[in-house]
C-alpha atoms as a PDB file:
ATOM      1  CA  UNK A   1     124.062  40.677  99.140  1.00  0.00           C
ATOM      2  CA  UNK A   2     126.175  43.513 100.600  1.00  0.00           C
ATOM      3  CA  UNK A   3     126.333  45.069  97.170  1.00  0.00           C
ATOM      4  CA  UNK A   4     122.532  45.101  96.927  1.00  0.00           C
ATOM      5  CA  UNK A   5     122.239  46.673 100.379  1.00  0.00           C
ATOM      6  CA  UNK A   6     124.728  49.353  99.356  1.00  0.00           C
ATOM      7  CA  UNK A   7     122.700  50.049  96.184  1.00  0.00           C
ATOM      8  CA  UNK A   8     119.499  50.322  98.216  1.00  0.00           C
ATOM      9  CA  UNK A   9     121.262  52.588 100.689  1.00  0.00           C
ATOM     10  CA  UNK A  10     122.497  54.781  97.817  1.00  0.00           C
ATOM     11  CA  UNK A  11     119.002  54.949  96.327  1.00  0.00           C
ATOM     12  CA  UNK A  12     117.536  55.857  99.713  1.00  0.00           C
ATOM     13  CA  UNK A  13     120.081  58.682 100.068  1.00  0.00           C
ATOM     14  CA  UNK A  14     119.251  59.926  96.566  1.00  0.00           C
ATOM     15  CA  UNK A  15     115.528  59.740  97.322  1.00  0.00           C
ATOM     16  CA  UNK A  16     116.041  61.617 100.603  1.00  0.00           C
ATOM     17  CA  UNK A  17     118.035  64.282  98.772  1.00  0.00           C
ATOM     18  CA  UNK A  18     115.330  64.639  96.102  1.00  0.00           C
ATOM     19  CA  UNK A  19     112.626  64.821  98.774  1.00  0.00           C
ATOM     20  CA  UNK A  20     114.557  67.570 100.566  1.00  0.00           C
ATOM     21  CA  UNK A  21     114.951  69.508  97.282  1.00  0.00           C
ATOM     22  CA  UNK A  22     111.227  69.137  96.599  1.00  0.00           C
ATOM     23  CA  UNK A  23     110.368  70.377 100.097  1.00  0.00           C
ATOM     24  CA  UNK A  24     112.582  73.421  99.582  1.00  0.00           C
ATOM     25  CA  UNK A  25     111.000  74.094  96.199  1.00  0.00           C
ATOM     26  CA  UNK A  26     107.508  73.764  97.696  1.00  0.00           C
ATOM     27  CA  UNK A  27     108.447  76.189 100.480  1.00  0.00           C
ATOM     28  CA  UNK A  28     109.771  78.684  97.906  1.00  0.00           C
ATOM     29  CA  UNK A  29     106.606  78.323  95.821  1.00  0.00           C
ATOM     30  CA  UNK A  30     104.429  78.856  98.894  1.00  0.00           C
ATOM     31  CA  UNK A  31     106.333  82.021  99.713  1.00  0.00           C
ATOM     32  CA  UNK A  32     105.950  83.252  96.125  1.00  0.00           C
ATOM     33  CA  UNK A  33     102.245  82.432  96.208  1.00  0.00           C
ATOM     34  CA  UNK A  34     101.815  84.413  99.425  1.00  0.00           C
ATOM     35  CA  UNK A  35     103.530  87.425  97.836  1.00  0.00           C
ATOM     36  CA  UNK A  36     101.328  87.170  94.737  1.00  0.00           C
ATOM     37  CA  UNK A  37      98.203  86.907  96.901  1.00  0.00           C
ATOM     38  CA  UNK A  38      99.224  89.976  98.928  1.00  0.00           C
ATOM     39  CA  UNK A  39      99.892  91.881  95.710  1.00  0.00           C
ATOM     40  CA  UNK A  40      96.519  90.826  94.308  1.00  0.00           C
ATOM     41  CA  UNK A  41      94.781  92.018  97.481  1.00  0.00           C
ATOM     42  CA  UNK A  42      96.519  95.396  97.166  1.00  0.00           C
ATOM     43  CA  UNK A  43      95.490  95.645  93.512  1.00  0.00           C
ATOM     44  CA  UNK A  44      91.910  94.742  94.396  1.00  0.00           C
ATOM     45  CA  UNK A  45      91.827  97.479  97.048  1.00  0.00           C
ATOM     46  CA  UNK A  46      93.206  99.934  94.486  1.00  0.00           C
ATOM     47  CA  UNK A  47      90.614  98.861  91.900  1.00  0.00           C
ATOM     48  CA  UNK A  48      87.801  99.199  94.448  1.00  0.00           C
ATOM     49  CA  UNK A  49      89.063 102.637  95.473  1.00  0.00           C
ATOM     50  CA  UNK A  50      89.305 103.672  91.809  1.00  0.00           C
ATOM     51  CA  UNK A  51      85.716 102.552  91.212  1.00  0.00           C
ATOM     52  CA  UNK A  52      84.522 104.514  94.260  1.00  0.00           C
ATOM     53  CA  UNK A  53      86.458 107.616  93.174  1.00  0.00           C
ATOM     54  CA  UNK A  54      85.054 107.347  89.651  1.00  0.00           C
ATOM     55  CA  UNK A  55      81.528 107.040  91.029  1.00  0.00           C
ATOM     56  CA  UNK A  56      82.032 110.111  93.249  1.00  0.00           C
ATOM     57  CA  UNK A  57      83.398 112.113  90.307  1.00  0.00           C
ATOM     58  CA  UNK A  58      80.461 111.088  88.121  1.00  0.00           C
ATOM     59  CA  UNK A  59      78.006 112.097  90.860  1.00  0.00           C
ATOM     60  CA  UNK A  60      79.789 115.421  91.325  1.00  0.00           C
ATOM     61  CA  UNK A  61      79.669 116.154  87.587  1.00  0.00           C
ATOM     62  CA  UNK A  62      75.979 115.243  87.449  1.00  0.00           C
ATOM     63  CA  UNK A  63      75.216 117.563  90.403  1.00  0.00           C
ATOM     64  CA  UNK A  64      77.239 120.361  88.804  1.00  0.00           C
ATOM     65  CA  UNK A  65      75.364 119.944  85.535  1.00  0.00           C
ATOM     66  CA  UNK A  66      72.046 119.989  87.401  1.00  0.00           C
ATOM     67  CA  UNK A  67      73.116 123.185  89.156  1.00  0.00           C
ATOM     68  CA  UNK A  68      74.084 124.781  85.846  1.00  0.00           C
ATOM     69  CA  UNK A  69      70.783 123.686  84.289  1.00  0.00           C
ATOM     70  CA  UNK A  70      68.923 125.357  87.150  1.00  0.00           C
ATOM     71  CA  UNK A  71      70.438 128.794  86.421  1.00  0.00           C
ATOM     72  CA  UNK A  72      67.930 130.810  84.399  1.00  0.00           C
ATOM     73  CA  UNK A  73      69.257 132.582  81.344  1.00  0.00           C
ATOM     74  CA  UNK A  74      72.587 130.783  81.218  1.00  0.00           C
ATOM     75  CA  UNK A  75      71.801 129.352  77.803  1.00  0.00           C
ATOM     76  CA  UNK A  76      70.899 132.825  76.494  1.00  0.00           C
ATOM     77  CA  UNK A  77      74.432 134.205  76.912  1.00  0.00           C
ATOM     78  CA  UNK A  78      76.461 134.842  73.793  1.00  0.00           C
ATOM     79  CA  UNK A  79      79.078 132.196  73.264  1.00  0.00           C
ATOM     80  CA  UNK A  80      82.702 133.160  73.255  1.00  0.00           C
ATOM     81  CA  UNK A  81      84.271 132.582  69.877  1.00  0.00           C
ATOM     82  CA  UNK A  82      87.545 130.782  69.400  1.00  0.00           C
ATOM     83  CA  UNK A  83      88.969 133.975  67.878  1.00  0.00           C
ATOM     84  CA  UNK A  84      88.494 135.685  71.252  1.00  0.00           C
ATOM     85  CA  UNK A  85      90.740 133.094  72.884  1.00  0.00           C
ATOM     86  CA  UNK A  86      93.361 133.475  70.147  1.00  0.00           C
ATOM     87  CA  UNK A  87      93.348 137.249  70.652  1.00  0.00           C
ATOM     88  CA  UNK A  88      93.715 136.869  74.412  1.00  0.00           C
ATOM     89  CA  UNK A  89      96.548 134.356  74.013  1.00  0.00           C
ATOM     90  CA  UNK A  90      98.457 136.620  71.637  1.00  0.00           C
ATOM     91  CA  UNK A  91      98.177 139.675  73.903  1.00  0.00           C
ATOM     92  CA  UNK A  92     101.659 140.812  74.853  1.00  0.00           C
ATOM     93  CA  UNK A  93     101.048 144.155  76.477  1.00  0.00           C
ATOM     94  CA  UNK A  94      99.572 146.078  73.596  1.00  0.00           C
ATOM     95  CA  UNK A  95     100.951 149.388  72.413  1.00  0.00           C
ATOM     96  CA  UNK A  96     102.719 150.407  75.564  1.00  0.00           C
ATOM     97  CA  UNK A  97     104.854 153.487  75.606  1.00  0.00           C
ATOM     98  CA  UNK A  98     108.504 152.611  76.026  1.00  0.00           C
ATOM     99  CA  UNK A  99     110.771 154.610  78.316  1.00  0.00           C
ATOM    100  CA  UNK A 100     112.698 155.951  75.309  1.00  0.00           C
ATOM    101  CA  UNK A 101     109.487 157.286  73.755  1.00  0.00           C
ATOM    102  CA  UNK A 102     108.119 158.854  76.939  1.00  0.00           C
ATOM    103  CA  UNK A 103     107.798 162.586  76.974  1.00  0.00           C
ATOM    104  CA  UNK A 104     106.282 165.055  79.391  1.00  0.00           C
ATOM    105  CA  UNK A 105     103.443 165.618  76.915  1.00  0.00           C
ATOM    106  CA  UNK A 106     102.372 161.949  77.254  1.00  0.00           C
ATOM    107  CA  UNK A 107     101.818 162.416  80.974  1.00  0.00           C
ATOM    108  CA  UNK A 108      99.483 165.352  80.702  1.00  0.00           C
END
């Protein structure tokens, strides 16, 4: 009989230990869940802000295009060719007169 009581007591201690471990694990999981929820809320705020910013940018572009469309004669201007940009990019000062080549005749 004493042996059975000791076995029950041992099982109760094991069960109490397991219950305590489970409680700790549940507490840890709750804390992790709270952190994930806070992070999700932050991400949602960021996503909402991004959507609002995108909408404002789209509206601004549309207004700018409307303003450009309202300017008479803008479409009649000659377009700038890509060669013009290449020429401008390659400009390095042109045919400047160097100090060694400078003479008094160049100044008059």
